[in-house]
Amino acid sequence: MTKPAVVFSQQHPEPIYDRPRADRLESGNPLRTTWTHYTSQDGVLDCGIWACEPGRWRIAFADNKAEFFCVIEGVVRLHDAEGRVSEIGAGEAAVIPAGFIGQFEVVEAVRKYYVIVETPTSGGL
């Protein structure tokens, strides 16, 4: 049986609220809201809509996890470990590559589509 397409506007997932961990927080204490619209059965793909108030915190992506996102409204900045800064505004898209280390900064309250791909890690010894 063929599975139906997942159309975000036809879904109404419950929001999940959180804030950055205190040990990663650099400024503000932003409320983050996530609406997960789809998670694959194998857990490799997770996507939905994410919103956040202004603030800045440290992030460190695992070597097997990457995120594509497209800003719907607002402005974010990605600060990498080498000091480069990328600003992404409404209508723009970006990828946070696997292994990225830096800071995520919400300059203006943001709402974005996100797609996270997390490939399984080998369980060998």
PDB file of N, CA and C in Angstrom:
ATOM      1  N   MET A   1       0.842  -1.175   0.000  1.00  0.00           N
ATOM      2  CA  MET A   1       0.000   0.000   0.000  1.00  0.00           C
ATOM      3  C   MET A   1       0.895   1.250   0.000  1.00  0.00           C
ATOM      4  N   THR A   2       0.613   2.180  -0.856  1.00  0.00           N
ATOM      5  CA  THR A   2       1.368   3.418  -0.950  1.00  0.00           C
ATOM      6  C   THR A   2       0.998   4.351   0.199  1.00  0.00           C
ATOM      7  N   LYS A   3       2.020   4.957   0.784  1.00  0.00           N
ATOM      8  CA  LYS A   3       1.775   5.914   1.868  1.00  0.00           C
ATOM      9  C   LYS A   3       1.426   7.264   1.268  1.00  0.00           C
ATOM     10  N   PRO A   4       0.547   8.010   1.925  1.00  0.00           N
ATOM     11  CA  PRO A   4       0.171   9.334   1.406  1.00  0.00           C
ATOM     12  C   PRO A   4       1.282  10.365   1.653  1.00  0.00           C
ATOM     13  N   ALA A   5       1.269  11.417   0.874  1.00  0.00           N
ATOM     14  CA  ALA A   5       2.189  12.534   1.090  1.00  0.00           C
ATOM     15  C   ALA A   5       1.859  13.203   2.420  1.00  0.00           C
ATOM     16  N   VAL A   6       2.852  13.788   3.034  1.00  0.00           N
ATOM     17  CA  VAL A   6       2.657  14.515   4.286  1.00  0.00           C
ATOM     18  C   VAL A   6       2.655  16.005   3.947  1.00  0.00           C
ATOM     19  N   VAL A   7       1.486  16.618   4.019  1.00  0.00           N
ATOM     20  CA  VAL A   7       1.327  18.034   3.699  1.00  0.00           C
ATOM     21  C   VAL A   7       1.217  18.794   5.021  1.00  0.00           C
ATOM     22  N   PHE A   8       2.192  19.661   5.276  1.00  0.00           N
ATOM     23  CA  PHE A   8       2.256  20.348   6.570  1.00  0.00           C
ATOM     24  C   PHE A   8       0.967  21.082   6.904  1.00  0.00           C
ATOM     25  N   SER A   9       0.377  21.781   5.928  1.00  0.00           N
ATOM     26  CA  SER A   9      -0.823  22.576   6.207  1.00  0.00           C
ATOM     27  C   SER A   9      -2.036  21.719   6.560  1.00  0.00           C
ATOM     28  N   GLN A  10      -1.952  20.423   6.292  1.00  0.00           N
ATOM     29  CA  GLN A  10      -3.059  19.522   6.603  1.00  0.00           C
ATOM     30  C   GLN A  10      -2.864  18.807   7.934  1.00  0.00           C
ATOM     31  N   GLN A  11      -1.794  19.132   8.642  1.00  0.00           N
ATOM     32  CA  GLN A  11      -1.504  18.507   9.922  1.00  0.00           C
ATOM     33  C   GLN A  11      -1.542  19.544  11.032  1.00  0.00           C
ATOM     34  N   HIS A  12      -1.767  19.056  12.233  1.00  0.00           N
ATOM     35  CA  HIS A  12      -1.816  19.940  13.391  1.00  0.00           C
ATOM     36  C   HIS A  12      -1.112  19.268  14.569  1.00  0.00           C
ATOM     37  N   PRO A  13       0.222  19.094  14.453  1.00  0.00           N
ATOM     38  CA  PRO A  13       0.938  18.427  15.540  1.00  0.00           C
ATOM     39  C   PRO A  13       0.970  19.280  16.808  1.00  0.00           C
ATOM     40  N   GLU A  14       1.046  18.623  17.939  1.00  0.00           N
ATOM     41  CA  GLU A  14       1.155  19.328  19.219  1.00  0.00           C
ATOM     42  C   GLU A  14       2.539  19.962  19.309  1.00  0.00           C
ATOM     43  N   PRO A  15       2.620  21.202  19.765  1.00  0.00           N
ATOM     44  CA  PRO A  15       3.932  21.837  19.899  1.00  0.00           C
ATOM     45  C   PRO A  15       4.701  21.272  21.091  1.00  0.00           C
ATOM     46  N   ILE A  16       6.011  21.266  20.956  1.00  0.00           N
ATOM     47  CA  ILE A  16       6.912  20.890  22.046  1.00  0.00           C
ATOM     48  C   ILE A  16       7.710  22.139  22.387  1.00  0.00           C
ATOM     49  N   TYR A  17       7.743  22.495  23.658  1.00  0.00           N
ATOM     50  CA  TYR A  17       8.424  23.699  24.113  1.00  0.00           C
ATOM     51  C   TYR A  17       9.684  23.327  24.880  1.00  0.00           C
ATOM     52  N   ASP A  18      10.749  24.089  24.648  1.00  0.00           N
ATOM     53  CA  ASP A  18      11.959  23.912  25.437  1.00  0.00           C
ATOM     54  C   ASP A  18      12.777  25.199  25.382  1.00  0.00           C
ATOM     55  N   ARG A  19      13.871  25.203  26.115  1.00  0.00           N
ATOM     56  CA  ARG A  19      14.822  26.315  26.122  1.00  0.00           C
ATOM     57  C   ARG A  19      16.218  25.711  26.029  1.00  0.00           C
ATOM     58  N   PRO A  20      17.206  26.496  25.581  1.00  0.00           N
ATOM     59  CA  PRO A  20      18.569  25.957  25.531  1.00  0.00           C
ATOM     60  C   PRO A  20      19.037  25.548  26.927  1.00  0.00           C
ATOM     61  N   ARG A  21      19.877  24.520  26.960  1.00  0.00           N
ATOM     62  CA  ARG A  21      20.443  24.091  28.240  1.00  0.00           C
ATOM     63  C   ARG A  21      21.278  25.229  28.830  1.00  0.00           C
ATOM     64  N   ALA A  22      21.223  25.387  30.140  1.00  0.00           N
ATOM     65  CA  ALA A  22      21.917  26.475  30.830  1.00  0.00           C
ATOM     66  C   ALA A  22      23.420  26.465  30.546  1.00  0.00           C
ATOM     67  N   ASP A  23      24.015  25.280  30.419  1.00  0.00           N
ATOM     68  CA  ASP A  23      25.466  25.200  30.192  1.00  0.00           C
ATOM     69  C   ASP A  23      25.866  25.583  28.762  1.00  0.00           C
ATOM     70  N   ARG A  24      24.886  25.753  27.859  1.00  0.00           N
ATOM     71  CA  ARG A  24      25.169  26.155  26.475  1.00  0.00           C
ATOM     72  C   ARG A  24      24.727  27.587  26.179  1.00  0.00           C
ATOM     73  N   LEU A  25      23.943  28.164  27.059  1.00  0.00           N
ATOM     74  CA  LEU A  25      23.348  29.479  26.846  1.00  0.00           C
ATOM     75  C   LEU A  25      24.401  30.576  26.890  1.00  0.00           C
ATOM     76  N   GLU A  26      24.356  31.483  25.888  1.00  0.00           N
ATOM     77  CA  GLU A  26      25.275  32.617  25.854  1.00  0.00           C
ATOM     78  C   GLU A  26      24.543  33.944  26.055  1.00  0.00           C
ATOM     79  N   SER A  27      23.307  34.065  25.556  1.00  0.00           N
ATOM     80  CA  SER A  27      22.525  35.278  25.799  1.00  0.00           C
ATOM     81  C   SER A  27      21.040  34.967  25.684  1.00  0.00           C
ATOM     82  N   GLY A  28      20.249  35.717  26.455  1.00  0.00           N
ATOM     83  CA  GLY A  28      18.814  35.489  26.473  1.00  0.00           C
ATOM     84  C   GLY A  28      18.472  34.167  27.152  1.00  0.00           C
ATOM     85  N   ASN A  29      17.225  33.802  27.083  1.00  0.00           N
ATOM     86  CA  ASN A  29      16.750  32.487  27.526  1.00  0.00           C
ATOM     87  C   ASN A  29      15.543  32.159  26.661  1.00  0.00           C
ATOM     88  N   PRO A  30      15.788  32.007  25.341  1.00  0.00           N
ATOM     89  CA  PRO A  30      14.684  31.931  24.387  1.00  0.00           C
ATOM     90  C   PRO A  30      13.813  30.687  24.512  1.00  0.00           C
ATOM     91  N   LEU A  31      12.519  30.909  24.374  1.00  0.00           N
ATOM     92  CA  LEU A  31      11.573  29.809  24.282  1.00  0.00           C
ATOM     93  C   LEU A  31      11.629  29.285  22.850  1.00  0.00           C
ATOM     94  N   ARG A  32      11.800  27.963  22.717  1.00  0.00           N
ATOM     95  CA  ARG A  32      11.831  27.319  21.407  1.00  0.00           C
ATOM     96  C   ARG A  32      10.595  26.432  21.294  1.00  0.00           C
ATOM     97  N   THR A  33       9.963  26.473  20.119  1.00  0.00           N
ATOM     98  CA  THR A  33       8.756  25.683  19.886  1.00  0.00           C
ATOM     99  C   THR A  33       8.963  24.846  18.640  1.00  0.00           C
ATOM    100  N   THR A  34       8.697  23.544  18.753  1.00  0.00           N
ATOM    101  CA  THR A  34       8.875  22.617  17.637  1.00  0.00           C
ATOM    102  C   THR A  34       7.563  21.909  17.339  1.00  0.00           C
ATOM    103  N   TRP A  35       7.186  21.936  16.061  1.00  0.00           N
ATOM    104  CA  TRP A  35       6.044  21.173  15.572  1.00  0.00           C
ATOM    105  C   TRP A  35       6.613  20.117  14.632  1.00  0.00           C
ATOM    106  N   THR A  36       6.679  18.863  15.074  1.00  0.00           N
ATOM    107  CA  THR A  36       7.217  17.789  14.239  1.00  0.00           C
ATOM    108  C   THR A  36       6.105  17.279  13.338  1.00  0.00           C
ATOM    109  N   HIS A  37       6.325  17.416  12.034  1.00  0.00           N
ATOM    110  CA  HIS A  37       5.319  16.998  11.056  1.00  0.00           C
ATOM    111  C   HIS A  37       5.576  15.604  10.510  1.00  0.00           C
ATOM    112  N   TYR A  38       6.835  15.166  10.547  1.00  0.00           N
ATOM    113  CA  TYR A  38       7.139  13.849  10.004  1.00  0.00           C
ATOM    114  C   TYR A  38       8.442  13.325  10.600  1.00  0.00           C
ATOM    115  N   THR A  39       8.422  12.066  10.998  1.00  0.00           N
ATOM    116  CA  THR A  39       9.609  11.337  11.403  1.00  0.00           C
ATOM    117  C   THR A  39       9.550   9.986  10.714  1.00  0.00           C
ATOM    118  N   SER A  40      10.612   9.630  10.001  1.00  0.00           N
ATOM    119  CA  SER A  40      10.620   8.341   9.301  1.00  0.00           C
ATOM    120  C   SER A  40      10.650   7.199  10.306  1.00  0.00           C
ATOM    121  N   GLN A  41      10.163   6.034   9.880  1.00  0.00           N
ATOM    122  CA  GLN A  41      10.118   4.875  10.772  1.00  0.00           C
ATOM    123  C   GLN A  41      11.489   4.490  11.291  1.00  0.00           C
ATOM    124  N   ASP A  42      12.508   4.671  10.458  1.00  0.00           N
ATOM    125  CA  ASP A  42      13.863   4.304  10.877  1.00  0.00           C
ATOM    126  C   ASP A  42      14.550   5.408  11.673  1.00  0.00           C
ATOM    127  N   GLY A  43      13.887   6.548  11.832  1.00  0.00           N
ATOM    128  CA  GLY A  43      14.438   7.643  12.619  1.00  0.00           C
ATOM    129  C   GLY A  43      15.511   8.457  11.925  1.00  0.00           C
ATOM    130  N   VAL A  44      15.757   8.196  10.648  1.00  0.00           N
ATOM    131  CA  VAL A  44      16.804   8.908   9.915  1.00  0.00           C
ATOM    132  C   VAL A  44      16.369  10.331   9.569  1.00  0.00           C
ATOM    133  N   LEU A  45      15.091  10.524   9.272  1.00  0.00           N
ATOM    134  CA  LEU A  45      14.580  11.810   8.811  1.00  0.00           C
ATOM    135  C   LEU A  45      13.550  12.367   9.787  1.00  0.00           C
ATOM    136  N   ASP A  46      13.722  13.642  10.135  1.00  0.00           N
ATOM    137  CA  ASP A  46      12.799  14.322  11.034  1.00  0.00           C
ATOM    138  C   ASP A  46      12.592  15.720  10.478  1.00  0.00           C
ATOM    139  N   CYS A  47      11.331  16.151  10.323  1.00  0.00           N
ATOM    140  CA  CYS A  47      11.113  17.478   9.755  1.00  0.00           C
ATOM    141  C   CYS A  47       9.846  18.107  10.313  1.00  0.00           C
ATOM    142  N   GLY A  48       9.815  19.438  10.217  1.00  0.00           N
ATOM    143  CA  GLY A  48       8.670  20.176  10.727  1.00  0.00           C
ATOM    144  C   GLY A  48       8.930  21.661  10.693  1.00  0.00           C
ATOM    145  N   ILE A  49       8.331  22.354  11.648  1.00  0.00           N
ATOM    146  CA  ILE A  49       8.476  23.799  11.783  1.00  0.00           C
ATOM    147  C   ILE A  49       9.009  24.090  13.174  1.00  0.00           C
ATOM    148  N   TRP A  50       9.931  25.042  13.243  1.00  0.00           N
ATOM    149  CA  TRP A  50      10.574  25.413  14.509  1.00  0.00           C
ATOM    150  C   TRP A  50      10.513  26.921  14.643  1.00  0.00           C
ATOM    151  N   ALA A  51      10.190  27.400  15.841  1.00  0.00           N
ATOM    152  CA  ALA A  51      10.142  28.837  16.114  1.00  0.00           C
ATOM    153  C   ALA A  51      10.945  29.118  17.373  1.00  0.00           C
ATOM    154  N   CYS A  52      11.509  30.335  17.437  1.00  0.00           N
ATOM    155  CA  CYS A  52      12.335  30.665  18.598  1.00  0.00           C
ATOM    156  C   CYS A  52      12.397  32.167  18.807  1.00  0.00           C
ATOM    157  N   GLU A  53      12.474  32.568  20.067  1.00  0.00           N
ATOM    158  CA  GLU A  53      12.678  33.956  20.467  1.00  0.00           C
ATOM    159  C   GLU A  53      14.165  34.295  20.343  1.00  0.00           C
ATOM    160  N   PRO A  54      14.525  35.580  20.350  1.00  0.00           N
ATOM    161  CA  PRO A  54      15.938  35.956  20.272  1.00  0.00           C
ATOM    162  C   PRO A  54      16.780  35.387  21.411  1.00  0.00           C
ATOM    163  N   GLY A  55      18.010  35.038  21.075  1.00  0.00           N
ATOM    164  CA  GLY A  55      18.966  34.499  22.029  1.00  0.00           C
ATOM    165  C   GLY A  55      20.107  33.818  21.289  1.00  0.00           C
ATOM    166  N   ARG A  56      21.094  33.339  22.038  1.00  0.00           N
ATOM    167  CA  ARG A  56      22.270  32.692  21.428  1.00  0.00           C
ATOM    168  C   ARG A  56      22.761  31.579  22.348  1.00  0.00           C
ATOM    169  N   TRP A  57      23.108  30.428  21.743  1.00  0.00           N
ATOM    170  CA  TRP A  57      23.607  29.284  22.498  1.00  0.00           C
ATOM    171  C   TRP A  57      24.574  28.486  21.638  1.00  0.00           C
ATOM    172  N   ARG A  58      25.425  27.717  22.324  1.00  0.00           N
ATOM    173  CA  ARG A  58      26.416  26.877  21.644  1.00  0.00           C
ATOM    174  C   ARG A  58      25.751  25.608  21.123  1.00  0.00           C
ATOM    175  N   ILE A  59      26.184  25.192  19.928  1.00  0.00           N
ATOM    176  CA  ILE A  59      25.704  23.932  19.355  1.00  0.00           C
ATOM    177  C   ILE A  59      26.895  23.105  18.891  1.00  0.00           C
ATOM    178  N   ALA A  60      26.718  21.803  18.911  1.00  0.00           N
ATOM    179  CA  ALA A  60      27.735  20.861  18.423  1.00  0.00           C
ATOM    180  C   ALA A  60      26.986  19.691  17.800  1.00  0.00           C
ATOM    181  N   PHE A  61      26.981  19.637  16.474  1.00  0.00           N
ATOM    182  CA  PHE A  61      26.284  18.559  15.778  1.00  0.00           C
ATOM    183  C   PHE A  61      27.158  17.305  15.764  1.00  0.00           C
ATOM    184  N   ALA A  62      26.524  16.171  15.950  1.00  0.00           N
ATOM    185  CA  ALA A  62      27.226  14.888  15.862  1.00  0.00           C
ATOM    186  C   ALA A  62      27.719  14.680  14.427  1.00  0.00           C
ATOM    187  N   ASP A  63      28.690  13.814  14.275  1.00  0.00           N
ATOM    188  CA  ASP A  63      29.263  13.530  12.953  1.00  0.00           C
ATOM    189  C   ASP A  63      28.286  12.841  12.013  1.00  0.00           C
ATOM    190  N   ASN A  64      27.159  12.364  12.531  1.00  0.00           N
ATOM    191  CA  ASN A  64      26.166  11.671  11.696  1.00  0.00           C
ATOM    192  C   ASN A  64      24.843  12.441  11.596  1.00  0.00           C
ATOM    193  N   LYS A  65      24.868  13.733  11.972  1.00  0.00           N
ATOM    194  CA  LYS A  65      23.628  14.519  11.995  1.00  0.00           C
ATOM    195  C   LYS A  65      23.833  15.836  11.249  1.00  0.00           C
ATOM    196  N   ALA A  66      22.913  16.144  10.309  1.00  0.00           N
ATOM    197  CA  ALA A  66      22.948  17.405   9.562  1.00  0.00           C
ATOM    198  C   ALA A  66      21.532  17.970   9.502  1.00  0.00           C
ATOM    199  N   GLU A  67      21.448  19.282   9.304  1.00  0.00           N
ATOM    200  CA  GLU A  67      20.137  19.927   9.209  1.00  0.00           C
ATOM    201  C   GLU A  67      20.085  20.885   8.025  1.00  0.00           C
ATOM    202  N   PHE A  68      19.040  20.750   7.220  1.00  0.00           N
ATOM    203  CA  PHE A  68      18.682  21.744   6.211  1.00  0.00           C
ATOM    204  C   PHE A  68      17.542  22.551   6.808  1.00  0.00           C
ATOM    205  N   PHE A  69      17.580  23.875   6.629  1.00  0.00           N
ATOM    206  CA  PHE A  69      16.440  24.671   7.072  1.00  0.00           C
ATOM    207  C   PHE A  69      16.207  25.837   6.127  1.00  0.00           C
ATOM    208  N   CYS A  70      14.958  26.310   6.132  1.00  0.00           N
ATOM    209  CA  CYS A  70      14.556  27.463   5.332  1.00  0.00           C
ATOM    210  C   CYS A  70      13.788  28.411   6.245  1.00  0.00           C
ATOM    211  N   VAL A  71      14.270  29.627   6.374  1.00  0.00           N
ATOM    212  CA  VAL A  71      13.656  30.610   7.263  1.00  0.00           C
ATOM    213  C   VAL A  71      12.373  31.147   6.625  1.00  0.00           C
ATOM    214  N   ILE A  72      11.290  31.068   7.372  1.00  0.00           N
ATOM    215  CA  ILE A  72       9.998  31.594   6.940  1.00  0.00           C
ATOM    216  C   ILE A  72       9.914  33.074   7.311  1.00  0.00           C
ATOM    217  N   GLU A  73      10.305  33.377   8.541  1.00  0.00           N
ATOM    218  CA  GLU A  73      10.327  34.764   9.015  1.00  0.00           C
ATOM    219  C   GLU A  73      11.394  34.896  10.085  1.00  0.00           C
ATOM    220  N   GLY A  74      11.960  36.099  10.209  1.00  0.00           N
ATOM    221  CA  GLY A  74      12.993  36.349  11.198  1.00  0.00           C
ATOM    222  C   GLY A  74      14.388  36.247  10.621  1.00  0.00           C
ATOM    223  N   VAL A  75      15.379  36.307  11.519  1.00  0.00           N
ATOM    224  CA  VAL A  75      16.785  36.265  11.123  1.00  0.00           C
ATOM    225  C   VAL A  75      17.569  35.443  12.139  1.00  0.00           C
ATOM    226  N   VAL A  76      18.425  34.556  11.625  1.00  0.00           N
ATOM    227  CA  VAL A  76      19.334  33.790  12.473  1.00  0.00           C
ATOM    228  C   VAL A  76      20.759  33.997  11.980  1.00  0.00           C
ATOM    229  N   ARG A  77      21.712  33.757  12.877  1.00  0.00           N
ATOM    230  CA  ARG A  77      23.124  33.763  12.518  1.00  0.00           C
ATOM    231  C   ARG A  77      23.746  32.465  13.007  1.00  0.00           C
ATOM    232  N   LEU A  78      24.572  31.882  12.152  1.00  0.00           N
ATOM    233  CA  LEU A  78      25.380  30.732  12.532  1.00  0.00           C
ATOM    234  C   LEU A  78      26.815  31.212  12.675  1.00  0.00           C
ATOM    235  N   HIS A  79      27.402  30.990  13.833  1.00  0.00           N
ATOM    236  CA  HIS A  79      28.789  31.355  14.109  1.00  0.00           C
ATOM    237  C   HIS A  79      29.570  30.048  14.167  1.00  0.00           C
ATOM    238  N   ASP A  80      30.565  29.872  13.278  1.00  0.00           N
ATOM    239  CA  ASP A  80      31.316  28.626  13.332  1.00  0.00           C
ATOM    240  C   ASP A  80      32.548  28.769  14.224  1.00  0.00           C
ATOM    241  N   ALA A  81      33.210  27.662  14.482  1.00  0.00           N
ATOM    242  CA  ALA A  81      34.340  27.624  15.397  1.00  0.00           C
ATOM    243  C   ALA A  81      35.520  28.479  14.921  1.00  0.00           C
ATOM    244  N   GLU A  82      35.584  28.775  13.619  1.00  0.00           N
ATOM    245  CA  GLU A  82      36.675  29.592  13.083  1.00  0.00           C
ATOM    246  C   GLU A  82      36.332  31.087  13.084  1.00  0.00           C
ATOM    247  N   GLY A  83      35.151  31.438  13.592  1.00  0.00           N
ATOM    248  CA  GLY A  83      34.773  32.839  13.686  1.00  0.00           C
ATOM    249  C   GLY A  83      33.981  33.374  12.503  1.00  0.00           C
ATOM    250  N   ARG A  84      33.699  32.540  11.512  1.00  0.00           N
ATOM    251  CA  ARG A  84      32.871  32.983  10.380  1.00  0.00           C
ATOM    252  C   ARG A  84      31.415  33.061  10.831  1.00  0.00           C
ATOM    253  N   VAL A  85      30.701  34.049  10.291  1.00  0.00           N
ATOM    254  CA  VAL A  85      29.296  34.249  10.642  1.00  0.00           C
ATOM    255  C   VAL A  85      28.468  34.239   9.369  1.00  0.00           C
ATOM    256  N   SER A  86      27.415  33.446   9.359  1.00  0.00           N
ATOM    257  CA  SER A  86      26.467  33.406   8.239  1.00  0.00           C
ATOM    258  C   SER A  86      25.117  33.870   8.746  1.00  0.00           C
ATOM    259  N   GLU A  87      24.536  34.869   8.071  1.00  0.00           N
ATOM    260  CA  GLU A  87      23.222  35.376   8.459  1.00  0.00           C
ATOM    261  C   GLU A  87      22.197  34.869   7.455  1.00  0.00           C
ATOM    262  N   ILE A  88      21.101  34.306   7.965  1.00  0.00           N
ATOM    263  CA  ILE A  88      20.064  33.722   7.120  1.00  0.00           C
ATOM    264  C   ILE A  88      18.736  34.380   7.499  1.00  0.00           C
ATOM    265  N   GLY A  89      18.085  34.992   6.502  1.00  0.00           N
ATOM    266  CA  GLY A  89      16.818  35.683   6.725  1.00  0.00           C
ATOM    267  C   GLY A  89      15.677  35.012   5.982  1.00  0.00           C
ATOM    268  N   ALA A  90      14.511  35.603   6.089  1.00  0.00           N
ATOM    269  CA  ALA A  90      13.298  35.056   5.477  1.00  0.00           C
ATOM    270  C   ALA A  90      13.510  34.768   3.993  1.00  0.00           C
ATOM    271  N   GLY A  91      13.102  33.580   3.593  1.00  0.00           N
ATOM    272  CA  GLY A  91      13.220  33.166   2.203  1.00  0.00           C
ATOM    273  C   GLY A  91      14.544  32.517   1.869  1.00  0.00           C
ATOM    274  N   GLU A  92      15.505  32.541   2.786  1.00  0.00           N
ATOM    275  CA  GLU A  92      16.810  31.931   2.551  1.00  0.00           C
ATOM    276  C   GLU A  92      16.892  30.576   3.236  1.00  0.00           C
ATOM    277  N   ALA A  93      17.780  29.743   2.722  1.00  0.00           N
ATOM    278  CA  ALA A  93      17.965  28.401   3.260  1.00  0.00           C
ATOM    279  C   ALA A  93      19.439  28.174   3.574  1.00  0.00           C
ATOM    280  N   ALA A  94      19.705  27.222   4.444  1.00  0.00           N
ATOM    281  CA  ALA A  94      21.079  26.889   4.815  1.00  0.00           C
ATOM    282  C   ALA A  94      21.137  25.437   5.275  1.00  0.00           C
ATOM    283  N   VAL A  95      22.359  24.937   5.353  1.00  0.00           N
ATOM    284  CA  VAL A  95      22.610  23.604   5.886  1.00  0.00           C
ATOM    285  C   VAL A  95      23.603  23.727   7.030  1.00  0.00           C
ATOM    286  N   ILE A  96      23.288  23.102   8.143  1.00  0.00           N
ATOM    287  CA  ILE A  96      24.245  22.944   9.233  1.00  0.00           C
ATOM    288  C   ILE A  96      24.829  21.551   9.023  1.00  0.00           C
ATOM    289  N   PRO A  97      26.090  21.466   8.597  1.00  0.00           N
ATOM    290  CA  PRO A  97      26.655  20.161   8.256  1.00  0.00           C
ATOM    291  C   PRO A  97      26.959  19.304   9.486  1.00  0.00           C
ATOM    292  N   ALA A  98      27.030  18.015   9.247  1.00  0.00           N
ATOM    293  CA  ALA A  98      27.420  17.086  10.305  1.00  0.00           C
ATOM    294  C   ALA A  98      28.768  17.528  10.869  1.00  0.00           C
ATOM    295  N   GLY A  99      28.909  17.459  12.179  1.00  0.00           N
ATOM    296  CA  GLY A  99      30.155  17.830  12.841  1.00  0.00           C
ATOM    297  C   GLY A  99      30.322  19.325  13.104  1.00  0.00           C
ATOM    298  N   PHE A 100      29.316  20.150  12.738  1.00  0.00           N
ATOM    299  CA  PHE A 100      29.404  21.597  12.948  1.00  0.00           C
ATOM    300  C   PHE A 100      29.512  21.922  14.430  1.00  0.00           C
ATOM    301  N   ILE A 101      30.425  22.825  14.759  1.00  0.00           N
ATOM    302  CA  ILE A 101      30.575  23.313  16.133  1.00  0.00           C
ATOM    303  C   ILE A 101      30.551  24.834  16.070  1.00  0.00           C
ATOM    304  N   GLY A 102      29.742  25.450  16.909  1.00  0.00           N
ATOM    305  CA  GLY A 102      29.670  26.904  16.922  1.00  0.00           C
ATOM    306  C   GLY A 102      28.525  27.392  17.785  1.00  0.00           C
ATOM    307  N   GLN A 103      27.904  28.483  17.342  1.00  0.00           N
ATOM    308  CA  GLN A 103      26.773  29.061  18.069  1.00  0.00           C
ATOM    309  C   GLN A 103      25.621  29.311  17.103  1.00  0.00           C
ATOM    310  N   PHE A 104      24.410  29.152  17.637  1.00  0.00           N
ATOM    311  CA  PHE A 104      23.185  29.470  16.911  1.00  0.00           C
ATOM    312  C   PHE A 104      22.617  30.708  17.568  1.00  0.00           C
ATOM    313  N   GLU A 105      22.399  31.748  16.775  1.00  0.00           N
ATOM    314  CA  GLU A 105      21.885  33.005  17.302  1.00  0.00           C
ATOM    315  C   GLU A 105      20.599  33.390  16.580  1.00  0.00           C
ATOM    316  N   VAL A 106      19.561  33.647  17.352  1.00  0.00           N
ATOM    317  CA  VAL A 106      18.318  34.166  16.797  1.00  0.00           C
ATOM    318  C   VAL A 106      18.352  35.673  17.012  1.00  0.00           C
ATOM    319  N   VAL A 107      18.471  36.420  15.910  1.00  0.00           N
ATOM    320  CA  VAL A 107      18.573  37.880  15.958  1.00  0.00           C
ATOM    321  C   VAL A 107      17.185  38.499  16.048  1.00  0.00           C
ATOM    322  N   GLU A 108      16.266  38.016  15.201  1.00  0.00           N
ATOM    323  CA  GLU A 108      14.857  38.415  15.223  1.00  0.00           C
ATOM    324  C   GLU A 108      14.048  37.143  15.338  1.00  0.00           C
ATOM    325  N   ALA A 109      13.009  37.157  16.165  1.00  0.00           N
ATOM    326  CA  ALA A 109      12.188  35.956  16.360  1.00  0.00           C
ATOM    327  C   ALA A 109      12.039  35.223  15.036  1.00  0.00           C
ATOM    328  N   VAL A 110      12.305  33.929  15.066  1.00  0.00           N
ATOM    329  CA  VAL A 110      12.382  33.149  13.831  1.00  0.00           C
ATOM    330  C   VAL A 110      11.341  32.045  13.799  1.00  0.00           C
ATOM    331  N   ARG A 111      10.963  31.722  12.579  1.00  0.00           N
ATOM    332  CA  ARG A 111      10.116  30.562  12.292  1.00  0.00           C
ATOM    333  C   ARG A 111      10.744  29.953  11.049  1.00  0.00           C
ATOM    334  N   LYS A 112      11.012  28.650  11.082  1.00  0.00           N
ATOM    335  CA  LYS A 112      11.689  28.011   9.956  1.00  0.00           C
ATOM    336  C   LYS A 112      11.175  26.598   9.740  1.00  0.00           C
ATOM    337  N   TYR A 113      11.259  26.155   8.478  1.00  0.00           N
ATOM    338  CA  TYR A 113      11.089  24.737   8.164  1.00  0.00           C
ATOM    339  C   TYR A 113      12.424  24.084   8.442  1.00  0.00           C
ATOM    340  N   TYR A 114      12.406  22.880   8.998  1.00  0.00           N
ATOM    341  CA  TYR A 114      13.659  22.166   9.231  1.00  0.00           C
ATOM    342  C   TYR A 114      13.551  20.723   8.740  1.00  0.00           C
ATOM    343  N   VAL A 115      14.676  20.198   8.310  1.00  0.00           N
ATOM    344  CA  VAL A 115      14.805  18.791   7.948  1.00  0.00           C
ATOM    345  C   VAL A 115      16.110  18.299   8.548  1.00  0.00           C
ATOM    346  N   ILE A 116      16.014  17.361   9.464  1.00  0.00           N
ATOM    347  CA  ILE A 116      17.204  16.799  10.108  1.00  0.00           C
ATOM    348  C   ILE A 116      17.395  15.377   9.596  1.00  0.00           C
ATOM    349  N   VAL A 117      18.612  15.094   9.162  1.00  0.00           N
ATOM    350  CA  VAL A 117      18.979  13.752   8.709  1.00  0.00           C
ATOM    351  C   VAL A 117      20.029  13.236   9.678  1.00  0.00           C
ATOM    352  N   GLU A 118      19.726  12.109  10.295  1.00  0.00           N
ATOM    353  CA  GLU A 118      20.644  11.492  11.250  1.00  0.00           C
ATOM    354  C   GLU A 118      20.855  10.036  10.835  1.00  0.00           C
ATOM    355  N   THR A 119      22.023   9.775  10.270  1.00  0.00           N
ATOM    356  CA  THR A 119      22.321   8.429   9.799  1.00  0.00           C
ATOM    357  C   THR A 119      22.779   7.556  10.970  1.00  0.00           C
ATOM    358  N   PRO A 120      22.450   6.281  10.922  1.00  0.00           N
ATOM    359  CA  PRO A 120      22.862   5.393  12.016  1.00  0.00           C
ATOM    360  C   PRO A 120      24.390   5.319  12.096  1.00  0.00           C
ATOM    361  N   THR A 121      24.877   5.205  13.308  1.00  0.00           N
ATOM    362  CA  THR A 121      26.310   5.011  13.498  1.00  0.00           C
ATOM    363  C   THR A 121      26.574   3.532  13.600  1.00  0.00           C
ATOM    364  N   SER A 122      27.772   3.124  13.216  1.00  0.00           N
ATOM    365  CA  SER A 122      28.106   1.699  13.295  1.00  0.00           C
ATOM    366  C   SER A 122      28.230   1.304  14.751  1.00  0.00           C
ATOM    367  N   GLY A 123      27.704   0.165  15.071  1.00  0.00           N
ATOM    368  CA  GLY A 123      27.722  -0.310  16.440  1.00  0.00           C
ATOM    369  C   GLY A 123      28.849  -1.280  16.717  1.00  0.00           C
ATOM    370  N   GLY A 124      29.791  -1.373  15.814  1.00  0.00           N
ATOM    371  CA  GLY A 124      30.906  -2.323  15.975  1.00  0.00           C
ATOM    372  C   GLY A 124      31.877  -1.899  17.060  1.00  0.00           C
ATOM    373  N   LEU A 125      32.685  -2.838  17.483  1.00  0.00           N
ATOM    374  CA  LEU A 125      33.678  -2.557  18.525  1.00  0.00           C
ATOM    375  C   LEU A 125      34.956  -2.053  17.946  1.00  0.00           C
TER     376      LEU A 125
END
